[in-house]
Amino acid sequence: MKAIVTGVAGQDGYYLTRHLLDQGHSVVGLTRDVAAARAEFAGVLGRLEFVSFDYGAVGEFGRLLANMEVDFVFNFAAKATGLGMFDSPQETSRLNGGVVLDILEAIRSSDRRSSIAFCQASSSEMFGNVTDTPQTEQTPFRPKSPYGAAKLYAHHLLGIYRSVYGIRCSSAILYNHESVRRSNQFVTKKIAHAAASIKLGKSRSLTLGSLDGVRDWGYAPEYAQAMFRMASAEIADDYIVATGRLSTVRDLCEIAFGRVGLDYRGFVETQKSDFRVADSVNLHGDPSKIRRQLGWEARTPIRDVMTGMVDHELRIIGGD
């Protein structure tokens, strides 16, 4: 079978593409930088091609889809950083919301729309500040940032196009998920990099925001596999993709620095300027539905994820 993957060179796009190729499917990866994407997938075997794509061009996805037969569409195109939920709100709205509308319209207009399964990477940031915990698929959304609002717009569009046009579109409400491919803007990567760098004598300290921030952190490759299960299901639906377990930023620091034999308290500093402007709270997912209906569950604890990230940073910084 054939799939289109947007944001193919990002963390999630990379792992989903690897999973598709391992399953024997072919992939068309959309990217703004074909040369960089090829470098990310150097040595990867399988039927993989890259297409230079302008996410800001309305109707571009429709023209692309009209010229190829595909079975799956996975959307990972999004603008977000750990602290940047308020950065460039116009661009965030377009990329996180408008692109999804373009994809849905392209599928709706396709002669093959009944055979195309679309899976959208949604976000727990759509919940914002919630009192109901853990969250289920029925928990009300109250986003606290332009990022969360744009993701919610896209999420609602999927529900509309599924009910009105019968499109097989599913929304994966993804909670935080990490890996060695996380970018430097995210707190898990910052902590892993700092622990390794300090251990190797390359730096002396790490400055973060609140260490009491709590999240439901999982392992990115497993979350990509969850999205493949969603797209492969006979009936499209929305699912919480989470571990159901909570950890604090302080826990991550303890794990990472402990991996290299250090006490984080001697190296980690906090300052208010690194706090989020309006942080979401109580984000704790209930993955019961996806476990019950699709047989998926998160298996890798955040301790293993963080130690793997630290080991990776040690190799990179140490030049191995």
C-alpha atoms as a PDB file:
ATOM      1  CA  MET A   1       0.000   0.000   0.000  1.00  0.00           C
ATOM      2  CA  LYS A   2       1.049   3.623  -0.428  1.00  0.00           C
ATOM      3  CA  ALA A   3       1.075   6.467   2.085  1.00  0.00           C
ATOM      4  CA  ILE A   4       1.680  10.200   2.057  1.00  0.00           C
ATOM      5  CA  VAL A   5       3.465  11.454   5.175  1.00  0.00           C
ATOM      6  CA  THR A   6       3.699  15.192   5.774  1.00  0.00           C
ATOM      7  CA  GLY A   7       6.506  16.468   7.967  1.00  0.00           C
ATOM      8  CA  VAL A   8       8.395  13.334   7.040  1.00  0.00           C
ATOM      9  CA  ALA A   9      11.734  14.441   8.503  1.00  0.00           C
ATOM     10  CA  GLY A  10      10.370  15.398  11.926  1.00  0.00           C
ATOM     11  CA  GLN A  11      10.441  13.079  14.919  1.00  0.00           C
ATOM     12  CA  ASP A  12       7.001  11.552  14.391  1.00  0.00           C
ATOM     13  CA  GLY A  13       7.112  11.563  10.596  1.00  0.00           C
ATOM     14  CA  TYR A  14      10.430   9.743  10.709  1.00  0.00           C
ATOM     15  CA  TYR A  15       9.229   6.960  13.000  1.00  0.00           C
ATOM     16  CA  LEU A  16       5.913   6.511  11.184  1.00  0.00           C
ATOM     17  CA  THR A  17       7.731   6.314   7.847  1.00  0.00           C
ATOM     18  CA  ARG A  18      10.159   3.733   9.207  1.00  0.00           C
ATOM     19  CA  HIS A  19       7.214   1.690  10.500  1.00  0.00           C
ATOM     20  CA  LEU A  20       5.415   1.849   7.148  1.00  0.00           C
ATOM     21  CA  LEU A  21       8.534   0.776   5.276  1.00  0.00           C
ATOM     22  CA  ASP A  22       9.113  -2.083   7.721  1.00  0.00           C
ATOM     23  CA  GLN A  23       5.566  -3.249   6.985  1.00  0.00           C
ATOM     24  CA  GLY A  24       6.345  -3.317   3.249  1.00  0.00           C
ATOM     25  CA  HIS A  25       4.405  -0.191   2.263  1.00  0.00           C
ATOM     26  CA  SER A  26       5.699   2.627   0.067  1.00  0.00           C
ATOM     27  CA  VAL A  27       5.895   6.227   1.267  1.00  0.00           C
ATOM     28  CA  VAL A  28       5.793   9.647  -0.343  1.00  0.00           C
ATOM     29  CA  GLY A  29       7.333  12.050   2.158  1.00  0.00           C
ATOM     30  CA  LEU A  30       6.445  15.733   1.957  1.00  0.00           C
ATOM     31  CA  THR A  31       9.093  18.174   3.111  1.00  0.00           C
ATOM     32  CA  ARG A  32      10.284  21.734   2.655  1.00  0.00           C
ATOM     33  CA  ASP A  33      13.874  20.515   2.285  1.00  0.00           C
ATOM     34  CA  VAL A  34      14.337  17.374   0.199  1.00  0.00           C
ATOM     35  CA  ALA A  35      18.116  17.251   0.660  1.00  0.00           C
ATOM     36  CA  ALA A  36      17.803  17.397   4.453  1.00  0.00           C
ATOM     37  CA  ALA A  37      15.085  14.739   4.437  1.00  0.00           C
ATOM     38  CA  ARG A  38      17.223  12.405   2.338  1.00  0.00           C
ATOM     39  CA  ALA A  39      20.052  12.845   4.815  1.00  0.00           C
ATOM     40  CA  GLU A  40      17.767  11.934   7.722  1.00  0.00           C
ATOM     41  CA  PHE A  41      16.806   8.678   5.995  1.00  0.00           C
ATOM     42  CA  ALA A  42      20.267   7.775   4.718  1.00  0.00           C
ATOM     43  CA  GLY A  43      20.632   4.007   4.749  1.00  0.00           C
ATOM     44  CA  VAL A  44      16.925   3.352   5.253  1.00  0.00           C
ATOM     45  CA  LEU A  45      15.654   0.609   2.973  1.00  0.00           C
ATOM     46  CA  GLY A  46      12.269   0.593   1.259  1.00  0.00           C
ATOM     47  CA  ARG A  47      10.177   2.377  -1.341  1.00  0.00           C
ATOM     48  CA  LEU A  48      10.555   5.972  -0.236  1.00  0.00           C
ATOM     49  CA  GLU A  49      10.413   9.138  -2.307  1.00  0.00           C
ATOM     50  CA  PHE A  50      10.493  12.770  -1.245  1.00  0.00           C
ATOM     51  CA  VAL A  51       8.465  15.659  -2.632  1.00  0.00           C
ATOM     52  CA  SER A  52       9.279  19.307  -2.031  1.00  0.00           C
ATOM     53  CA  PHE A  53       6.089  20.801  -0.624  1.00  0.00           C
ATOM     54  CA  ASP A  54       4.929  24.340   0.157  1.00  0.00           C
ATOM     55  CA  TYR A  55       2.591  24.046   3.148  1.00  0.00           C
ATOM     56  CA  GLY A  56       1.552  27.666   2.755  1.00  0.00           C
ATOM     57  CA  ALA A  57       0.116  27.168  -0.746  1.00  0.00           C
ATOM     58  CA  VAL A  58      -3.647  26.614  -0.584  1.00  0.00           C
ATOM     59  CA  GLY A  59      -4.751  23.795  -2.897  1.00  0.00           C
ATOM     60  CA  GLU A  60      -1.254  22.353  -3.290  1.00  0.00           C
ATOM     61  CA  PHE A  61      -2.161  19.101  -1.536  1.00  0.00           C
ATOM     62  CA  GLY A  62      -5.171  18.636  -3.817  1.00  0.00           C
ATOM     63  CA  ARG A  63      -2.986  18.918  -6.905  1.00  0.00           C
ATOM     64  CA  LEU A  64      -0.568  16.405  -5.426  1.00  0.00           C
ATOM     65  CA  LEU A  65      -3.258  13.892  -4.480  1.00  0.00           C
ATOM     66  CA  ALA A  66      -4.901  14.131  -7.904  1.00  0.00           C
ATOM     67  CA  ASN A  67      -1.735  12.778  -9.512  1.00  0.00           C
ATOM     68  CA  MET A  68      -1.218   9.679  -7.390  1.00  0.00           C
ATOM     69  CA  GLU A  69      -3.130   6.790  -5.876  1.00  0.00           C
ATOM     70  CA  VAL A  70      -2.608   6.481  -2.135  1.00  0.00           C
ATOM     71  CA  ASP A  71      -4.192   4.444   0.641  1.00  0.00           C
ATOM     72  CA  PHE A  72      -3.071   6.449   3.697  1.00  0.00           C
ATOM     73  CA  VAL A  73      -2.404  10.074   4.556  1.00  0.00           C
ATOM     74  CA  PHE A  74      -0.628  10.921   7.820  1.00  0.00           C
ATOM     75  CA  ASN A  75      -0.283  14.560   8.803  1.00  0.00           C
ATOM     76  CA  PHE A  76       2.572  15.640  11.079  1.00  0.00           C
ATOM     77  CA  ALA A  77       3.005  19.117   9.631  1.00  0.00           C
ATOM     78  CA  ALA A  78       2.847  21.507  12.577  1.00  0.00           C
ATOM     79  CA  LYS A  79       4.553  24.505  14.109  1.00  0.00           C
ATOM     80  CA  ALA A  80       5.410  24.018  17.770  1.00  0.00           C
ATOM     81  CA  THR A  81       8.223  24.173  20.274  1.00  0.00           C
ATOM     82  CA  GLY A  82       8.332  23.463  23.946  1.00  0.00           C
ATOM     83  CA  LEU A  83       8.059  27.132  24.879  1.00  0.00           C
ATOM     84  CA  GLY A  84       6.732  28.453  21.575  1.00  0.00           C
ATOM     85  CA  MET A  85       3.000  27.779  21.812  1.00  0.00           C
ATOM     86  CA  PHE A  86       2.467  31.528  21.266  1.00  0.00           C
ATOM     87  CA  ASP A  87       5.119  32.016  18.557  1.00  0.00           C
ATOM     88  CA  SER A  88       3.919  33.325  15.161  1.00  0.00           C
ATOM     89  CA  PRO A  89       0.195  32.753  15.736  1.00  0.00           C
ATOM     90  CA  GLN A  90      -0.735  33.438  12.083  1.00  0.00           C
ATOM     91  CA  GLU A  91       1.732  30.846  10.805  1.00  0.00           C
ATOM     92  CA  THR A  92       0.682  28.445  13.559  1.00  0.00           C
ATOM     93  CA  SER A  93      -2.966  28.827  12.558  1.00  0.00           C
ATOM     94  CA  ARG A  94      -2.194  28.163   8.907  1.00  0.00           C
ATOM     95  CA  LEU A  95       0.138  25.213   9.392  1.00  0.00           C
ATOM     96  CA  ASN A  96      -1.670  23.502  12.286  1.00  0.00           C
ATOM     97  CA  GLY A  97      -5.195  24.188  11.070  1.00  0.00           C
ATOM     98  CA  GLY A  98      -5.394  25.318   7.461  1.00  0.00           C
ATOM     99  CA  VAL A  99      -3.223  22.519   6.092  1.00  0.00           C
ATOM    100  CA  VAL A 100      -5.613  19.970   7.597  1.00  0.00           C
ATOM    101  CA  LEU A 101      -8.529  21.630   5.831  1.00  0.00           C
ATOM    102  CA  ASP A 102      -6.569  21.418   2.558  1.00  0.00           C
ATOM    103  CA  ILE A 103      -6.007  17.688   3.087  1.00  0.00           C
ATOM    104  CA  LEU A 104      -9.645  17.027   3.918  1.00  0.00           C
ATOM    105  CA  GLU A 105     -10.849  18.987   0.899  1.00  0.00           C
ATOM    106  CA  ALA A 106      -8.414  17.123  -1.343  1.00  0.00           C
ATOM    107  CA  ILE A 107      -9.679  13.756  -0.092  1.00  0.00           C
ATOM    108  CA  ARG A 108     -13.318  14.863  -0.386  1.00  0.00           C
ATOM    109  CA  SER A 109     -12.725  15.855  -4.019  1.00  0.00           C
ATOM    110  CA  SER A 110     -10.891  12.651  -4.885  1.00  0.00           C
ATOM    111  CA  ASP A 111     -12.503   9.833  -6.868  1.00  0.00           C
ATOM    112  CA  ARG A 112     -10.860   7.450  -4.380  1.00  0.00           C
ATOM    113  CA  ARG A 113     -12.021   9.187  -1.213  1.00  0.00           C
ATOM    114  CA  SER A 114     -13.766   6.085   0.136  1.00  0.00           C
ATOM    115  CA  SER A 115     -10.501   4.123   0.056  1.00  0.00           C
ATOM    116  CA  ILE A 116      -8.198   6.761   1.595  1.00  0.00           C
ATOM    117  CA  ALA A 117      -7.599   6.687   5.348  1.00  0.00           C
ATOM    118  CA  PHE A 118      -6.392   9.938   6.927  1.00  0.00           C
ATOM    119  CA  CYS A 119      -4.835  10.152  10.390  1.00  0.00           C
ATOM    120  CA  GLN A 120      -4.146  13.527  11.990  1.00  0.00           C
ATOM    121  CA  ALA A 121      -1.588  14.138  14.725  1.00  0.00           C
ATOM    122  CA  SER A 122      -3.663  16.099  17.233  1.00  0.00           C
ATOM    123  CA  SER A 123      -2.453  17.210  20.653  1.00  0.00           C
ATOM    124  CA  SER A 124      -3.255  17.057  24.344  1.00  0.00           C
ATOM    125  CA  GLU A 125      -2.706  20.841  24.290  1.00  0.00           C
ATOM    126  CA  MET A 126      -6.279  21.051  22.985  1.00  0.00           C
ATOM    127  CA  PHE A 127      -7.445  20.307  26.545  1.00  0.00           C
ATOM    128  CA  GLY A 128      -5.619  23.292  28.052  1.00  0.00           C
ATOM    129  CA  ASN A 129      -6.512  23.686  31.712  1.00  0.00           C
ATOM    130  CA  VAL A 130      -8.746  20.830  32.764  1.00  0.00           C
ATOM    131  CA  THR A 131     -10.209  19.731  36.069  1.00  0.00           C
ATOM    132  CA  ASP A 132     -11.268  16.302  34.811  1.00  0.00           C
ATOM    133  CA  THR A 133      -8.345  13.938  35.102  1.00  0.00           C
ATOM    134  CA  PRO A 134      -7.365  11.690  33.479  1.00  0.00           C
ATOM    135  CA  GLN A 135      -8.815  12.917  30.197  1.00  0.00           C
ATOM    136  CA  THR A 136     -10.880  10.727  27.897  1.00  0.00           C
ATOM    137  CA  GLU A 137     -12.137  11.352  24.374  1.00  0.00           C
ATOM    138  CA  GLN A 138     -15.242  12.977  25.917  1.00  0.00           C
ATOM    139  CA  THR A 139     -13.389  15.513  28.094  1.00  0.00           C
ATOM    140  CA  PRO A 140     -14.212  19.132  27.066  1.00  0.00           C
ATOM    141  CA  PHE A 141     -11.467  21.094  25.311  1.00  0.00           C
ATOM    142  CA  ARG A 142     -10.223  24.441  26.662  1.00  0.00           C
ATOM    143  CA  PRO A 143      -7.004  25.318  24.805  1.00  0.00           C
ATOM    144  CA  LYS A 144      -4.701  27.898  26.368  1.00  0.00           C
ATOM    145  CA  SER A 145      -2.551  28.843  23.361  1.00  0.00           C
ATOM    146  CA  PRO A 146      -2.789  29.586  19.626  1.00  0.00           C
ATOM    147  CA  TYR A 147      -1.114  26.227  19.062  1.00  0.00           C
ATOM    148  CA  GLY A 148      -3.792  24.351  21.015  1.00  0.00           C
ATOM    149  CA  ALA A 149      -6.594  26.361  19.382  1.00  0.00           C
ATOM    150  CA  ALA A 150      -5.295  25.622  15.872  1.00  0.00           C
ATOM    151  CA  LYS A 151      -4.988  21.929  16.666  1.00  0.00           C
ATOM    152  CA  LEU A 152      -8.550  21.961  18.013  1.00  0.00           C
ATOM    153  CA  TYR A 153      -9.821  23.626  14.838  1.00  0.00           C
ATOM    154  CA  ALA A 154      -8.268  20.800  12.824  1.00  0.00           C
ATOM    155  CA  HIS A 155      -9.649  18.197  15.239  1.00  0.00           C
ATOM    156  CA  HIS A 156     -13.198  19.522  14.837  1.00  0.00           C
ATOM    157  CA  LEU A 157     -12.810  19.606  11.053  1.00  0.00           C
ATOM    158  CA  LEU A 158     -12.036  15.887  11.066  1.00  0.00           C
ATOM    159  CA  GLY A 159     -15.233  15.197  12.980  1.00  0.00           C
ATOM    160  CA  ILE A 160     -17.238  17.276  10.518  1.00  0.00           C
ATOM    161  CA  TYR A 161     -15.792  15.706   7.389  1.00  0.00           C
ATOM    162  CA  ARG A 162     -16.152  12.225   8.867  1.00  0.00           C
ATOM    163  CA  SER A 163     -19.837  12.687   9.708  1.00  0.00           C
ATOM    164  CA  VAL A 164     -20.902  14.802   6.710  1.00  0.00           C
ATOM    165  CA  TYR A 165     -18.817  13.304   3.888  1.00  0.00           C
ATOM    166  CA  GLY A 166     -18.017   9.859   5.255  1.00  0.00           C
ATOM    167  CA  ILE A 167     -14.258  10.376   5.028  1.00  0.00           C
ATOM    168  CA  ARG A 168     -12.188   7.840   6.953  1.00  0.00           C
ATOM    169  CA  CYS A 169     -10.344  10.392   9.065  1.00  0.00           C
ATOM    170  CA  SER A 170      -9.102   9.790  12.597  1.00  0.00           C
ATOM    171  CA  SER A 171      -7.611  12.116  15.189  1.00  0.00           C
ATOM    172  CA  ALA A 172      -4.761  10.892  17.385  1.00  0.00           C
ATOM    173  CA  ILE A 173      -4.820  13.014  20.540  1.00  0.00           C
ATOM    174  CA  LEU A 174      -1.136  12.653  21.296  1.00  0.00           C
ATOM    175  CA  TYR A 175       0.295  13.363  24.719  1.00  0.00           C
ATOM    176  CA  ASN A 176       3.979  14.209  25.100  1.00  0.00           C
ATOM    177  CA  HIS A 177       6.174  11.623  23.403  1.00  0.00           C
ATOM    178  CA  GLU A 178       9.947  11.687  23.249  1.00  0.00           C
ATOM    179  CA  SER A 179      12.942  10.044  21.594  1.00  0.00           C
ATOM    180  CA  VAL A 180      16.532  10.649  20.555  1.00  0.00           C
ATOM    181  CA  ARG A 181      15.099  12.572  17.592  1.00  0.00           C
ATOM    182  CA  ARG A 182      13.528  15.300  19.734  1.00  0.00           C
ATOM    183  CA  SER A 183      14.590  18.822  18.734  1.00  0.00           C
ATOM    184  CA  ASN A 184      16.520  21.095  21.057  1.00  0.00           C
ATOM    185  CA  GLN A 185      13.490  23.226  21.982  1.00  0.00           C
ATOM    186  CA  PHE A 186      11.883  20.488  24.056  1.00  0.00           C
ATOM    187  CA  VAL A 187      12.605  20.038  27.737  1.00  0.00           C
ATOM    188  CA  THR A 188      13.442  16.340  27.503  1.00  0.00           C
ATOM    189  CA  LYS A 189      16.179  17.007  24.932  1.00  0.00           C
ATOM    190  CA  LYS A 190      17.462  19.998  26.918  1.00  0.00           C
ATOM    191  CA  ILE A 191      17.808  17.874  30.038  1.00  0.00           C
ATOM    192  CA  ALA A 192      19.379  14.874  28.292  1.00  0.00           C
ATOM    193  CA  HIS A 193      21.845  17.080  26.430  1.00  0.00           C
ATOM    194  CA  ALA A 194      22.782  19.035  29.551  1.00  0.00           C
ATOM    195  CA  ALA A 195      23.350  15.921  31.650  1.00  0.00           C
ATOM    196  CA  ALA A 196      25.691  14.475  29.019  1.00  0.00           C
ATOM    197  CA  SER A 197      27.417  17.800  28.352  1.00  0.00           C
ATOM    198  CA  ILE A 198      28.071  18.485  32.038  1.00  0.00           C
ATOM    199  CA  LYS A 199      29.336  14.941  32.569  1.00  0.00           C
ATOM    200  CA  LEU A 200      31.811  15.383  29.709  1.00  0.00           C
ATOM    201  CA  GLY A 201      32.926  18.776  30.974  1.00  0.00           C
ATOM    202  CA  LYS A 202      31.441  20.713  28.043  1.00  0.00           C
ATOM    203  CA  SER A 203      29.095  22.839  30.179  1.00  0.00           C
ATOM    204  CA  ARG A 204      28.448  23.629  33.815  1.00  0.00           C
ATOM    205  CA  SER A 205      24.734  24.135  34.373  1.00  0.00           C
ATOM    206  CA  LEU A 206      21.201  23.980  32.961  1.00  0.00           C
ATOM    207  CA  THR A 207      18.510  26.614  33.324  1.00  0.00           C
ATOM    208  CA  LEU A 208      14.856  25.559  33.154  1.00  0.00           C
ATOM    209  CA  GLY A 209      11.443  26.861  34.084  1.00  0.00           C
ATOM    210  CA  SER A 210       9.383  25.161  36.767  1.00  0.00           C
ATOM    211  CA  LEU A 211      10.600  21.724  37.830  1.00  0.00           C
ATOM    212  CA  ASP A 212       7.133  20.940  39.142  1.00  0.00           C
ATOM    213  CA  GLY A 213       5.501  20.823  35.706  1.00  0.00           C
ATOM    214  CA  VAL A 214       3.701  17.505  35.246  1.00  0.00           C
ATOM    215  CA  ARG A 215       3.146  15.637  31.995  1.00  0.00           C
ATOM    216  CA  ASP A 216       2.201  12.248  30.612  1.00  0.00           C
ATOM    217  CA  TRP A 217       5.389  11.356  28.705  1.00  0.00           C
ATOM    218  CA  GLY A 218       5.674   8.416  26.302  1.00  0.00           C
ATOM    219  CA  TYR A 219       7.937   6.978  23.600  1.00  0.00           C
ATOM    220  CA  ALA A 220       7.584   8.433  20.083  1.00  0.00           C
ATOM    221  CA  PRO A 221       8.031   5.231  18.004  1.00  0.00           C
ATOM    222  CA  GLU A 222       5.168   3.591  19.898  1.00  0.00           C
ATOM    223  CA  TYR A 223       2.915   6.596  19.281  1.00  0.00           C
ATOM    224  CA  ALA A 224       3.649   6.416  15.549  1.00  0.00           C
ATOM    225  CA  GLN A 225       2.588   2.773  15.603  1.00  0.00           C
ATOM    226  CA  ALA A 226      -0.633   3.791  17.340  1.00  0.00           C
ATOM    227  CA  MET A 227      -1.432   6.114  14.460  1.00  0.00           C
ATOM    228  CA  PHE A 228      -0.835   3.333  11.946  1.00  0.00           C
ATOM    229  CA  ARG A 229      -3.295   1.141  13.830  1.00  0.00           C
ATOM    230  CA  MET A 230      -5.837   3.955  13.752  1.00  0.00           C
ATOM    231  CA  ALA A 231      -5.472   4.437  10.004  1.00  0.00           C
ATOM    232  CA  SER A 232      -5.682   0.683   9.397  1.00  0.00           C
ATOM    233  CA  ALA A 233      -8.869   0.256  11.447  1.00  0.00           C
ATOM    234  CA  GLU A 234     -12.072  -0.426   9.552  1.00  0.00           C
ATOM    235  CA  ILE A 235     -13.907   2.391  11.343  1.00  0.00           C
ATOM    236  CA  ALA A 236     -12.314   5.822  11.743  1.00  0.00           C
ATOM    237  CA  ASP A 237     -12.459   7.361  15.212  1.00  0.00           C
ATOM    238  CA  ASP A 238     -10.626   9.621  17.679  1.00  0.00           C
ATOM    239  CA  TYR A 239      -8.294   8.196  20.315  1.00  0.00           C
ATOM    240  CA  ILE A 240      -6.279   9.384  23.289  1.00  0.00           C
ATOM    241  CA  VAL A 241      -2.682   8.199  22.806  1.00  0.00           C
ATOM    242  CA  ALA A 242      -0.942   8.337  26.180  1.00  0.00           C
ATOM    243  CA  THR A 243       0.724   6.238  28.856  1.00  0.00           C
ATOM    244  CA  GLY A 244      -1.708   7.079  31.652  1.00  0.00           C
ATOM    245  CA  ARG A 245       1.298   7.773  33.921  1.00  0.00           C
ATOM    246  CA  LEU A 246       2.564  11.135  35.168  1.00  0.00           C
ATOM    247  CA  SER A 247       6.065  12.482  35.784  1.00  0.00           C
ATOM    248  CA  THR A 248       7.445  15.895  36.700  1.00  0.00           C
ATOM    249  CA  VAL A 249      10.278  17.807  35.062  1.00  0.00           C
ATOM    250  CA  ARG A 250      12.119  17.180  38.324  1.00  0.00           C
ATOM    251  CA  ASP A 251      11.718  13.430  37.750  1.00  0.00           C
ATOM    252  CA  LEU A 252      13.272  13.786  34.300  1.00  0.00           C
ATOM    253  CA  CYS A 253      16.228  15.683  35.739  1.00  0.00           C
ATOM    254  CA  GLU A 254      16.757  13.032  38.397  1.00  0.00           C
ATOM    255  CA  ILE A 255      16.680  10.253  35.795  1.00  0.00           C
ATOM    256  CA  ALA A 256      18.976  11.991  33.306  1.00  0.00           C
ATOM    257  CA  PHE A 257      21.613  13.221  35.728  1.00  0.00           C
ATOM    258  CA  GLY A 258      21.445   9.977  37.663  1.00  0.00           C
ATOM    259  CA  ARG A 259      22.317   8.154  34.445  1.00  0.00           C
ATOM    260  CA  VAL A 260      25.702   9.889  34.440  1.00  0.00           C
ATOM    261  CA  GLY A 261      26.230   9.644  38.195  1.00  0.00           C
ATOM    262  CA  LEU A 262      25.371  13.250  39.051  1.00  0.00           C
ATOM    263  CA  ASP A 263      22.886  14.918  41.402  1.00  0.00           C
ATOM    264  CA  TYR A 264      20.810  17.307  39.311  1.00  0.00           C
ATOM    265  CA  ARG A 265      20.397  19.656  42.272  1.00  0.00           C
ATOM    266  CA  GLY A 266      23.974  20.777  41.895  1.00  0.00           C
ATOM    267  CA  PHE A 267      23.558  21.791  38.256  1.00  0.00           C
ATOM    268  CA  VAL A 268      19.945  22.717  37.439  1.00  0.00           C
ATOM    269  CA  GLU A 269      18.741  26.267  37.978  1.00  0.00           C
ATOM    270  CA  THR A 270      15.272  27.754  37.435  1.00  0.00           C
ATOM    271  CA  GLN A 271      14.151  31.174  36.302  1.00  0.00           C
ATOM    272  CA  LYS A 272      10.714  32.626  35.654  1.00  0.00           C
ATOM    273  CA  SER A 273      11.593  33.843  32.154  1.00  0.00           C
ATOM    274  CA  ASP A 274      11.660  30.197  31.048  1.00  0.00           C
ATOM    275  CA  PHE A 275       8.133  29.522  32.307  1.00  0.00           C
ATOM    276  CA  ARG A 276       5.442  29.175  29.663  1.00  0.00           C
ATOM    277  CA  VAL A 277       3.178  32.213  29.253  1.00  0.00           C
ATOM    278  CA  ALA A 278       0.034  30.212  30.008  1.00  0.00           C
ATOM    279  CA  ASP A 279       0.810  26.572  30.600  1.00  0.00           C
ATOM    280  CA  SER A 280      -1.734  23.799  30.290  1.00  0.00           C
ATOM    281  CA  VAL A 281      -2.311  21.875  33.509  1.00  0.00           C
ATOM    282  CA  ASN A 282      -3.490  18.424  34.566  1.00  0.00           C
ATOM    283  CA  LEU A 283      -2.704  16.832  31.197  1.00  0.00           C
ATOM    284  CA  HIS A 284      -3.057  13.155  32.015  1.00  0.00           C
ATOM    285  CA  GLY A 285      -4.398  10.836  29.336  1.00  0.00           C
ATOM    286  CA  ASP A 286      -6.640   7.801  29.703  1.00  0.00           C
ATOM    287  CA  PRO A 287      -5.675   5.378  26.893  1.00  0.00           C
ATOM    288  CA  SER A 288      -8.400   2.857  27.752  1.00  0.00           C
ATOM    289  CA  LYS A 289     -10.272   3.279  24.464  1.00  0.00           C
ATOM    290  CA  ILE A 290      -7.334   2.652  22.136  1.00  0.00           C
ATOM    291  CA  ARG A 291      -6.206  -0.278  24.273  1.00  0.00           C
ATOM    292  CA  ARG A 292      -9.686  -1.782  24.237  1.00  0.00           C
ATOM    293  CA  GLN A 293     -10.579  -1.190  20.587  1.00  0.00           C
ATOM    294  CA  LEU A 294      -7.222  -1.380  18.788  1.00  0.00           C
ATOM    295  CA  GLY A 295      -5.060  -3.349  21.230  1.00  0.00           C
ATOM    296  CA  TRP A 296      -2.428  -0.619  21.531  1.00  0.00           C
ATOM    297  CA  GLU A 297      -0.724   0.383  24.753  1.00  0.00           C
ATOM    298  CA  ALA A 298       2.404   2.307  25.712  1.00  0.00           C
ATOM    299  CA  ARG A 299       5.080  -0.094  26.934  1.00  0.00           C
ATOM    300  CA  THR A 300       8.255   1.974  27.316  1.00  0.00           C
ATOM    301  CA  PRO A 301       8.460   3.948  30.595  1.00  0.00           C
ATOM    302  CA  ILE A 302       9.846   7.479  30.552  1.00  0.00           C
ATOM    303  CA  ARG A 303      12.829   6.308  32.602  1.00  0.00           C
ATOM    304  CA  ASP A 304      13.950   4.115  29.706  1.00  0.00           C
ATOM    305  CA  VAL A 305      13.253   6.877  27.196  1.00  0.00           C
ATOM    306  CA  MET A 306      15.310   9.439  29.108  1.00  0.00           C
ATOM    307  CA  THR A 307      18.251   7.120  29.755  1.00  0.00           C
ATOM    308  CA  GLY A 308      18.314   6.274  26.061  1.00  0.00           C
ATOM    309  CA  MET A 309      18.340   9.969  25.194  1.00  0.00           C
ATOM    310  CA  VAL A 310      21.214  10.634  27.610  1.00  0.00           C
ATOM    311  CA  ASP A 311      23.227   7.728  26.190  1.00  0.00           C
ATOM    312  CA  HIS A 312      22.641   9.105  22.699  1.00  0.00           C
ATOM    313  CA  GLU A 313      23.832  12.570  23.726  1.00  0.00           C
ATOM    314  CA  LEU A 314      26.943  11.094  25.328  1.00  0.00           C
ATOM    315  CA  ARG A 315      27.819   9.420  22.022  1.00  0.00           C
ATOM    316  CA  ILE A 316      27.141  12.556  19.985  1.00  0.00           C
ATOM    317  CA  ILE A 317      28.979  14.974  22.263  1.00  0.00           C
ATOM    318  CA  GLY A 318      31.803  12.549  22.868  1.00  0.00           C
ATOM    319  CA  GLY A 319      32.265  12.057  19.138  1.00  0.00           C
ATOM    320  CA  ASP A 320      31.582   8.309  19.075  1.00  0.00           C
END
